Amino acid sequence: MTDEITSENKNAKLKDDQAAALVVAQAFIVFSAIYWFTQIESVRELLQLAYG
């Protein structure tokens, strides 16, 4: 009986950890995409200023 409970708790904790890791990974990807988009736009604006 206690083996089943601890097994269920381990499975629930594993699912929680996986969900948290997925959220962190998605946030990192979104942040990276926004960061690179702004960097590329900045370079394009500088090139437009330099060459017209």
N, C-alpha and C. Protein backbone atom coordinates (compact mmCIF):
# COMPACT_ATOMS: atom_id res chain seq x y z
N MET A 1 0.83 -1.19 0.00
CA MET A 1 0.00 0.00 0.00
C MET A 1 0.87 1.26 0.00
N THR A 2 1.85 1.32 0.88
CA THR A 2 2.70 2.51 0.94
C THR A 2 3.58 2.60 -0.30
N ASP A 3 3.93 1.44 -0.89
CA ASP A 3 4.72 1.46 -2.11
C ASP A 3 3.94 2.12 -3.25
N GLU A 4 2.63 1.86 -3.30
CA GLU A 4 1.79 2.46 -4.34
C GLU A 4 1.69 3.96 -4.13
N ILE A 5 1.57 4.39 -2.90
CA ILE A 5 1.44 5.82 -2.61
C ILE A 5 2.73 6.55 -2.96
N THR A 6 3.87 6.00 -2.58
CA THR A 6 5.12 6.66 -2.90
C THR A 6 5.37 6.65 -4.40
N SER A 7 4.96 5.58 -5.07
CA SER A 7 5.10 5.52 -6.52
C SER A 7 4.24 6.59 -7.18
N GLU A 8 3.02 6.77 -6.70
CA GLU A 8 2.13 7.80 -7.25
C GLU A 8 2.69 9.19 -6.97
N ASN A 9 3.25 9.38 -5.77
CA ASN A 9 3.85 10.67 -5.44
C ASN A 9 5.05 10.96 -6.33
N LYS A 10 5.86 9.94 -6.59
CA LYS A 10 7.02 10.13 -7.46
C LYS A 10 6.58 10.47 -8.88
N ASN A 11 5.53 9.79 -9.36
CA ASN A 11 5.03 10.07 -10.69
C ASN A 11 4.46 11.48 -10.78
N ALA A 12 3.75 11.90 -9.74
CA ALA A 12 3.19 13.26 -9.73
C ALA A 12 4.30 14.29 -9.68
N LYS A 13 5.32 14.05 -8.87
CA LYS A 13 6.44 14.99 -8.79
C LYS A 13 7.18 15.05 -10.12
N LEU A 14 7.35 13.92 -10.77
CA LEU A 14 8.02 13.89 -12.07
C LEU A 14 7.23 14.68 -13.09
N LYS A 15 5.91 14.52 -13.10
CA LYS A 15 5.08 15.28 -14.04
C LYS A 15 5.14 16.76 -13.74
N ASP A 16 5.16 17.15 -12.47
CA ASP A 16 5.29 18.56 -12.10
C ASP A 16 6.63 19.12 -12.55
N ASP A 17 7.69 18.35 -12.34
CA ASP A 17 9.03 18.78 -12.76
C ASP A 17 9.10 18.94 -14.27
N GLN A 18 8.50 18.00 -15.00
CA GLN A 18 8.50 18.08 -16.46
C GLN A 18 7.71 19.29 -16.94
N ALA A 19 6.58 19.56 -16.30
CA ALA A 19 5.77 20.72 -16.68
C ALA A 19 6.52 22.01 -16.41
N ALA A 20 7.20 22.08 -15.28
CA ALA A 20 7.99 23.27 -14.96
C ALA A 20 9.13 23.45 -15.95
N ALA A 21 9.80 22.38 -16.31
CA ALA A 21 10.89 22.46 -17.28
C ALA A 21 10.37 22.91 -18.64
N LEU A 22 9.21 22.44 -19.04
CA LEU A 22 8.61 22.85 -20.30
C LEU A 22 8.29 24.33 -20.31
N VAL A 23 7.75 24.84 -19.22
CA VAL A 23 7.43 26.26 -19.12
C VAL A 23 8.71 27.10 -19.19
N VAL A 24 9.74 26.69 -18.49
CA VAL A 24 11.00 27.42 -18.51
C VAL A 24 11.61 27.41 -19.91
N ALA A 25 11.58 26.25 -20.58
CA ALA A 25 12.13 26.16 -21.92
C ALA A 25 11.36 27.05 -22.90
N GLN A 26 10.04 27.07 -22.78
CA GLN A 26 9.23 27.91 -23.66
C GLN A 26 9.51 29.39 -23.40
N ALA A 27 9.63 29.77 -22.15
CA ALA A 27 9.93 31.16 -21.82
C ALA A 27 11.29 31.56 -22.38
N PHE A 28 12.28 30.67 -22.28
CA PHE A 28 13.61 30.95 -22.82
C PHE A 28 13.57 31.12 -24.33
N ILE A 29 12.83 30.27 -25.01
CA ILE A 29 12.73 30.35 -26.47
C ILE A 29 12.05 31.64 -26.88
N VAL A 30 10.97 32.01 -26.21
CA VAL A 30 10.26 33.25 -26.54
C VAL A 30 11.16 34.46 -26.27
N PHE A 31 11.83 34.48 -25.14
CA PHE A 31 12.73 35.58 -24.82
C PHE A 31 13.84 35.69 -25.86
N SER A 32 14.41 34.55 -26.26
CA SER A 32 15.48 34.55 -27.26
C SER A 32 14.98 35.09 -28.59
N ALA A 33 13.79 34.69 -29.00
CA ALA A 33 13.24 35.15 -30.26
C ALA A 33 13.02 36.66 -30.24
N ILE A 34 12.47 37.17 -29.15
CA ILE A 34 12.25 38.62 -29.04
C ILE A 34 13.59 39.36 -29.03
N TYR A 35 14.56 38.84 -28.29
CA TYR A 35 15.87 39.47 -28.21
C TYR A 35 16.51 39.55 -29.59
N TRP A 36 16.54 38.43 -30.32
CA TRP A 36 17.19 38.42 -31.63
C TRP A 36 16.43 39.27 -32.63
N PHE A 37 15.11 39.30 -32.55
CA PHE A 37 14.35 40.15 -33.44
C PHE A 37 14.71 41.62 -33.22
N THR A 38 14.80 42.04 -31.96
CA THR A 38 15.15 43.44 -31.69
C THR A 38 16.59 43.74 -32.12
N GLN A 39 17.49 42.78 -31.95
CA GLN A 39 18.87 42.99 -32.39
C GLN A 39 18.96 43.14 -33.90
N ILE A 40 18.24 42.30 -34.62
CA ILE A 40 18.25 42.38 -36.08
C ILE A 40 17.65 43.69 -36.55
N GLU A 41 16.57 44.11 -35.92
CA GLU A 41 15.96 45.39 -36.29
C GLU A 41 16.91 46.55 -36.02
N SER A 42 17.65 46.49 -34.94
CA SER A 42 18.61 47.53 -34.62
C SER A 42 19.70 47.61 -35.69
N VAL A 43 20.21 46.46 -36.11
CA VAL A 43 21.24 46.44 -37.15
C VAL A 43 20.68 46.98 -38.46
N ARG A 44 19.47 46.61 -38.79
CA ARG A 44 18.87 47.11 -40.03
C ARG A 44 18.72 48.63 -40.00
N GLU A 45 18.32 49.17 -38.84
CA GLU A 45 18.18 50.63 -38.72
C GLU A 45 19.54 51.31 -38.85
N LEU A 46 20.58 50.73 -38.24
CA LEU A 46 21.92 51.31 -38.36
C LEU A 46 22.42 51.26 -39.80
N LEU A 47 22.17 50.18 -40.49
CA LEU A 47 22.58 50.08 -41.89
C LEU A 47 21.81 51.09 -42.77
N GLN A 48 20.55 51.27 -42.46
CA GLN A 48 19.76 52.24 -43.21
C GLN A 48 20.29 53.66 -42.97
N LEU A 49 20.68 53.96 -41.74
CA LEU A 49 21.25 55.26 -41.45
C LEU A 49 22.59 55.44 -42.17
N ALA A 50 23.37 54.38 -42.22
CA ALA A 50 24.71 54.48 -42.83
C ALA A 50 24.65 54.59 -44.34
N TYR A 51 23.75 53.85 -44.96
CA TYR A 51 23.76 53.79 -46.43
C TYR A 51 22.54 54.42 -47.08
N GLY A 52 21.59 54.86 -46.29
CA GLY A 52 20.43 55.56 -46.84
C GLY A 52 19.37 54.71 -47.41
